Amino acid sequence: MKVCKVVGNVWATKKNEGLEGCKLMIVCADGESSAERFVAADFAGAGIGETVLVVTGSTARQVGKSAPIDAAIVGIVDSQEIAGEYR
């Protein structure tokens, strides 16, 4: 599981039927503006600017059931505590 930030979204009018009704969001590793961006299927209702939990690989495929996905947003982070500091 990775902590990422949603930085954008993807519109696709034609896509696999398993992705119908699923938002596709662009995410990058939280706090790293130079991090590689990737697309994740959103199963949590996230929006741009939110910090999210992302699973990848076979775990993401289990979340998507019949959808051919490699990354899935499975949670929205309310707060984080790192070394005694809340973010």
C-alpha atoms as a PDB file:
ATOM      1  CA  MET A   1       0.000   0.000   0.000  1.00  0.00           C
ATOM      2  CA  LYS A   2       1.237   3.481  -0.870  1.00  0.00           C
ATOM      3  CA  VAL A   3       0.325   6.945   0.376  1.00  0.00           C
ATOM      4  CA  CYS A   4      -0.214   9.177  -2.658  1.00  0.00           C
ATOM      5  CA  LYS A   5      -1.685  12.546  -3.574  1.00  0.00           C
ATOM      6  CA  VAL A   6      -4.317  12.934  -6.281  1.00  0.00           C
ATOM      7  CA  VAL A   7      -3.027  15.488  -8.791  1.00  0.00           C
ATOM      8  CA  GLY A   8      -5.480  15.119 -11.674  1.00  0.00           C
ATOM      9  CA  ASN A   9      -7.966  12.946 -13.477  1.00  0.00           C
ATOM     10  CA  VAL A  10      -8.287  11.120 -16.785  1.00  0.00           C
ATOM     11  CA  TRP A  11     -11.304  11.174 -19.081  1.00  0.00           C
ATOM     12  CA  ALA A  12     -11.803   8.123 -21.266  1.00  0.00           C
ATOM     13  CA  THR A  13     -15.019   7.854 -23.239  1.00  0.00           C
ATOM     14  CA  LYS A  14     -14.102   4.392 -24.492  1.00  0.00           C
ATOM     15  CA  LYS A  15     -12.715   1.924 -21.983  1.00  0.00           C
ATOM     16  CA  ASN A  16     -13.020  -1.682 -20.868  1.00  0.00           C
ATOM     17  CA  GLU A  17     -16.552  -2.472 -19.702  1.00  0.00           C
ATOM     18  CA  GLY A  18     -15.167  -3.436 -16.275  1.00  0.00           C
ATOM     19  CA  LEU A  19     -14.171   0.220 -15.803  1.00  0.00           C
ATOM     20  CA  GLU A  20     -17.601   1.680 -16.582  1.00  0.00           C
ATOM     21  CA  GLY A  21     -18.651   4.073 -13.829  1.00  0.00           C
ATOM     22  CA  CYS A  22     -15.149   4.128 -12.310  1.00  0.00           C
ATOM     23  CA  LYS A  23     -13.188   7.387 -12.082  1.00  0.00           C
ATOM     24  CA  LEU A  24      -9.570   7.294 -13.220  1.00  0.00           C
ATOM     25  CA  MET A  25      -7.306   9.594 -11.195  1.00  0.00           C
ATOM     26  CA  ILE A  26      -3.679  10.655 -11.661  1.00  0.00           C
ATOM     27  CA  VAL A  27      -1.679  10.170  -8.454  1.00  0.00           C
ATOM     28  CA  CYS A  28       1.924  10.641  -7.329  1.00  0.00           C
ATOM     29  CA  ALA A  29       3.828   9.657  -4.200  1.00  0.00           C
ATOM     30  CA  ASP A  30       2.795  11.990  -1.343  1.00  0.00           C
ATOM     31  CA  GLY A  31       5.180  14.864  -0.755  1.00  0.00           C
ATOM     32  CA  GLU A  32       7.323  14.170  -3.804  1.00  0.00           C
ATOM     33  CA  SER A  33       6.492  16.641  -6.572  1.00  0.00           C
ATOM     34  CA  SER A  34       9.081  15.039  -8.849  1.00  0.00           C
ATOM     35  CA  ALA A  35       7.683  11.532  -8.276  1.00  0.00           C
ATOM     36  CA  GLU A  36       6.438   9.473 -11.193  1.00  0.00           C
ATOM     37  CA  ARG A  37       2.737   9.922 -11.784  1.00  0.00           C
ATOM     38  CA  PHE A  38       0.440   7.030 -12.562  1.00  0.00           C
ATOM     39  CA  VAL A  39      -3.250   6.358 -13.090  1.00  0.00           C
ATOM     40  CA  ALA A  40      -5.301   4.639 -10.396  1.00  0.00           C
ATOM     41  CA  ALA A  41      -8.934   3.541 -10.534  1.00  0.00           C
ATOM     42  CA  ASP A  42     -10.850   5.339  -7.781  1.00  0.00           C
ATOM     43  CA  PHE A  43     -13.006   3.126  -5.557  1.00  0.00           C
ATOM     44  CA  ALA A  44     -13.146   5.605  -2.651  1.00  0.00           C
ATOM     45  CA  GLY A  45     -14.549   8.792  -4.221  1.00  0.00           C
ATOM     46  CA  ALA A  46     -11.343  10.825  -3.974  1.00  0.00           C
ATOM     47  CA  GLY A  47     -10.857  14.303  -5.401  1.00  0.00           C
ATOM     48  CA  ILE A  48      -7.920  16.336  -6.652  1.00  0.00           C
ATOM     49  CA  GLY A  49      -5.624  17.437  -3.824  1.00  0.00           C
ATOM     50  CA  GLU A  50      -6.588  14.635  -1.443  1.00  0.00           C
ATOM     51  CA  THR A  51      -4.134  12.218   0.132  1.00  0.00           C
ATOM     52  CA  VAL A  52      -5.126   8.634  -0.630  1.00  0.00           C
ATOM     53  CA  LEU A  53      -4.156   5.008  -0.044  1.00  0.00           C
ATOM     54  CA  VAL A  54      -3.274   3.153  -3.250  1.00  0.00           C
ATOM     55  CA  VAL A  55      -2.801  -0.575  -3.780  1.00  0.00           C
ATOM     56  CA  THR A  56      -1.098  -2.003  -6.844  1.00  0.00           C
ATOM     57  CA  GLY A  57      -0.658  -5.289  -8.671  1.00  0.00           C
ATOM     58  CA  SER A  58      -2.781  -8.312  -7.839  1.00  0.00           C
ATOM     59  CA  THR A  59      -4.314  -6.546  -4.834  1.00  0.00           C
ATOM     60  CA  ALA A  60      -5.677  -3.820  -7.119  1.00  0.00           C
ATOM     61  CA  ARG A  61      -7.110  -6.429  -9.457  1.00  0.00           C
ATOM     62  CA  GLN A  62      -9.021  -7.968  -6.530  1.00  0.00           C
ATOM     63  CA  VAL A  63     -10.577  -4.591  -5.714  1.00  0.00           C
ATOM     64  CA  GLY A  64     -11.598  -4.057  -9.334  1.00  0.00           C
ATOM     65  CA  LYS A  65     -13.189  -7.518  -9.655  1.00  0.00           C
ATOM     66  CA  SER A  66     -13.467  -7.832 -13.440  1.00  0.00           C
ATOM     67  CA  ALA A  67     -11.632  -4.615 -14.324  1.00  0.00           C
ATOM     68  CA  PRO A  68      -8.119  -4.845 -15.810  1.00  0.00           C
ATOM     69  CA  ILE A  69      -6.356  -2.454 -13.397  1.00  0.00           C
ATOM     70  CA  ASP A  70      -2.880  -2.206 -11.924  1.00  0.00           C
ATOM     71  CA  ALA A  71      -3.527   0.501  -9.288  1.00  0.00           C
ATOM     72  CA  ALA A  72      -6.598   1.288  -7.182  1.00  0.00           C
ATOM     73  CA  ILE A  73      -7.458   4.027  -4.689  1.00  0.00           C
ATOM     74  CA  VAL A  74      -8.942   2.230  -1.693  1.00  0.00           C
ATOM     75  CA  GLY A  75      -9.020   4.930   0.984  1.00  0.00           C
ATOM     76  CA  ILE A  76      -8.854   8.660   1.681  1.00  0.00           C
ATOM     77  CA  VAL A  77      -6.433   9.732   4.424  1.00  0.00           C
ATOM     78  CA  ASP A  78      -7.895  12.060   7.063  1.00  0.00           C
ATOM     79  CA  SER A  79      -4.602  12.695   8.873  1.00  0.00           C
ATOM     80  CA  GLN A  80      -1.106  11.301   9.289  1.00  0.00           C
ATOM     81  CA  GLU A  81       1.243  11.269  12.255  1.00  0.00           C
ATOM     82  CA  ILE A  82       4.911  11.008  11.380  1.00  0.00           C
ATOM     83  CA  ALA A  83       7.510  11.344  14.152  1.00  0.00           C
ATOM     84  CA  GLY A  84       4.997  13.022  16.435  1.00  0.00           C
ATOM     85  CA  GLU A  85       3.866  15.544  13.797  1.00  0.00           C
ATOM     86  CA  TYR A  86       0.366  15.555  12.385  1.00  0.00           C
ATOM     87  CA  ARG A  87      -0.139  16.393   8.718  1.00  0.00           C
END
